Amino acid sequence: SKVKAVGVELSDGTRLRSRAVISNATRWDTFKQLVEEGDVPQSEVDFFKRYKKSPSFITAHIVVEPSVVTESCYCHNIVLEDWAKLEDGRGTLFVSIPTILDPSLAPEG
């Protein structure tokens, strides 16, 4: 059946109606907890069938001098010695430099 969200109900019971409802939850929370199983779009059902969890990772936010980031740098980079070991728990470094796309993300100085 085609079901359409027409609003939300707050924890205090207040109901707010709207022409559109946008979820700010993750796709896992949205389609596994907020949407009834029979109403999940087929594209999401297919995604969950093929999705494979990656190993956990650590994030470090670092600052470098602007001169280190050259025009040949990309926003997202994967550094590893052997592509066959991409999914191993160690040895892969993912470097993201969002200021390449939006310099205003970096503080002055």
Protein backbone atom coordinates (compact mmCIF):
# COMPACT_ATOMS: atom_id res chain seq x y z
CA SER A 1 0.00 0.00 0.00
CA LYS A 2 1.10 3.57 -0.63
CA VAL A 3 1.47 5.31 2.70
CA LYS A 4 2.34 8.99 2.95
CA ALA A 5 3.70 10.87 5.95
CA VAL A 6 1.48 13.87 6.61
CA GLY A 7 3.09 15.13 9.81
CA VAL A 8 4.77 14.11 13.03
CA GLU A 9 3.71 13.39 16.57
CA LEU A 10 5.94 14.86 19.29
CA SER A 11 6.82 13.05 22.50
CA ASP A 12 4.23 15.16 24.39
CA GLY A 13 1.50 13.97 22.01
CA THR A 14 1.28 17.18 19.98
CA ARG A 15 0.60 16.46 16.31
CA LEU A 16 2.04 18.72 13.62
CA ARG A 17 0.76 18.31 10.05
CA SER A 18 2.81 19.21 7.00
CA ARG A 19 2.92 18.76 3.22
CA ALA A 20 6.40 17.22 3.58
CA VAL A 21 8.19 15.32 6.34
CA ILE A 22 11.97 15.18 6.27
CA SER A 23 13.90 12.78 8.49
CA ASN A 24 17.16 13.97 9.99
CA ALA A 25 17.78 10.49 11.38
CA THR A 26 20.20 8.05 9.74
CA ARG A 27 18.79 5.84 7.02
CA TRP A 28 19.06 2.92 9.48
CA ASP A 29 16.96 4.70 12.11
CA THR A 30 14.54 6.11 9.53
CA PHE A 31 13.79 2.91 7.62
CA LYS A 32 14.32 0.36 10.39
CA GLN A 33 12.63 2.18 13.29
CA LEU A 34 10.44 5.05 12.06
CA VAL A 35 8.88 3.58 8.90
CA GLU A 36 6.75 0.43 9.05
CA GLU A 37 8.47 -2.54 7.37
CA GLY A 38 5.88 -2.83 4.59
CA ASP A 39 6.21 0.88 3.74
CA VAL A 40 10.00 1.01 3.23
CA PRO A 41 10.80 2.01 -0.39
CA GLN A 42 12.22 -0.80 -2.53
CA SER A 43 15.43 1.20 -3.09
CA GLU A 44 16.09 1.09 0.67
CA VAL A 45 15.20 -2.61 0.92
CA ASP A 46 17.77 -3.25 -1.86
CA PHE A 47 20.37 -1.07 -0.11
CA PHE A 48 20.07 -3.01 3.15
CA LYS A 49 20.43 -6.33 1.26
CA ARG A 50 23.76 -5.30 -0.31
CA TYR A 51 25.14 -3.14 2.50
CA LYS A 52 28.24 -4.52 4.19
CA LYS A 53 29.51 -2.93 7.39
CA SER A 54 33.05 -1.61 7.26
CA PRO A 55 35.55 -1.99 10.08
CA SER A 56 35.43 0.67 12.76
CA PHE A 57 37.68 3.67 12.38
CA ILE A 58 39.18 6.59 14.23
CA THR A 59 38.71 10.18 13.14
CA ALA A 60 41.34 12.84 13.75
CA HIS A 61 40.78 16.49 12.92
CA ILE A 62 44.11 18.15 12.20
CA VAL A 63 45.26 21.54 11.01
CA VAL A 64 48.01 22.09 8.46
CA GLU A 65 49.51 25.17 6.90
CA PRO A 66 47.59 26.22 3.75
CA SER A 67 50.75 25.80 1.66
CA VAL A 68 50.60 22.03 2.28
CA VAL A 69 47.27 21.76 0.43
CA THR A 70 48.09 22.29 -3.23
CA GLU A 71 45.74 22.74 -6.19
CA SER A 72 46.36 19.09 -7.14
CA CYS A 73 44.80 17.86 -3.86
CA TYR A 74 41.37 16.22 -3.88
CA CYS A 75 38.73 16.60 -1.21
CA HIS A 76 38.66 12.85 -0.38
CA ASN A 77 41.68 10.55 -0.58
CA ILE A 78 42.30 6.90 0.29
CA VAL A 79 45.86 5.97 1.13
CA LEU A 80 46.80 2.28 1.28
CA GLU A 81 49.58 -0.01 0.13
CA ASP A 82 47.43 -2.85 -1.26
CA TRP A 83 43.88 -2.43 -2.63
CA ALA A 84 43.21 -6.10 -1.85
CA LYS A 85 43.54 -5.19 1.84
CA LEU A 86 41.12 -2.24 1.69
CA GLU A 87 38.67 -3.92 4.08
CA ASP A 88 41.29 -5.17 6.52
CA GLY A 89 41.06 -3.65 9.98
CA ARG A 90 44.37 -1.81 9.62
CA GLY A 91 46.45 -0.13 7.01
CA THR A 92 43.93 2.11 5.24
CA LEU A 93 43.95 5.85 5.71
CA PHE A 94 41.04 8.01 4.54
CA VAL A 95 41.93 11.68 4.29
CA SER A 96 39.18 14.26 3.89
CA ILE A 97 40.02 17.91 3.24
CA PRO A 98 36.62 19.64 3.15
CA THR A 99 38.19 23.10 2.96
CA ILE A 100 39.13 22.35 -0.65
CA LEU A 101 35.42 22.60 -1.44
CA ASP A 102 34.57 25.27 1.13
CA PRO A 103 37.49 27.32 2.55
CA SER A 104 35.10 29.04 5.00
CA LEU A 105 35.07 25.81 7.05
CA ALA A 106 38.54 26.61 8.36
CA PRO A 107 38.92 29.22 11.09
CA GLU A 108 40.96 32.33 10.43
CA GLY A 109 44.69 32.00 11.05
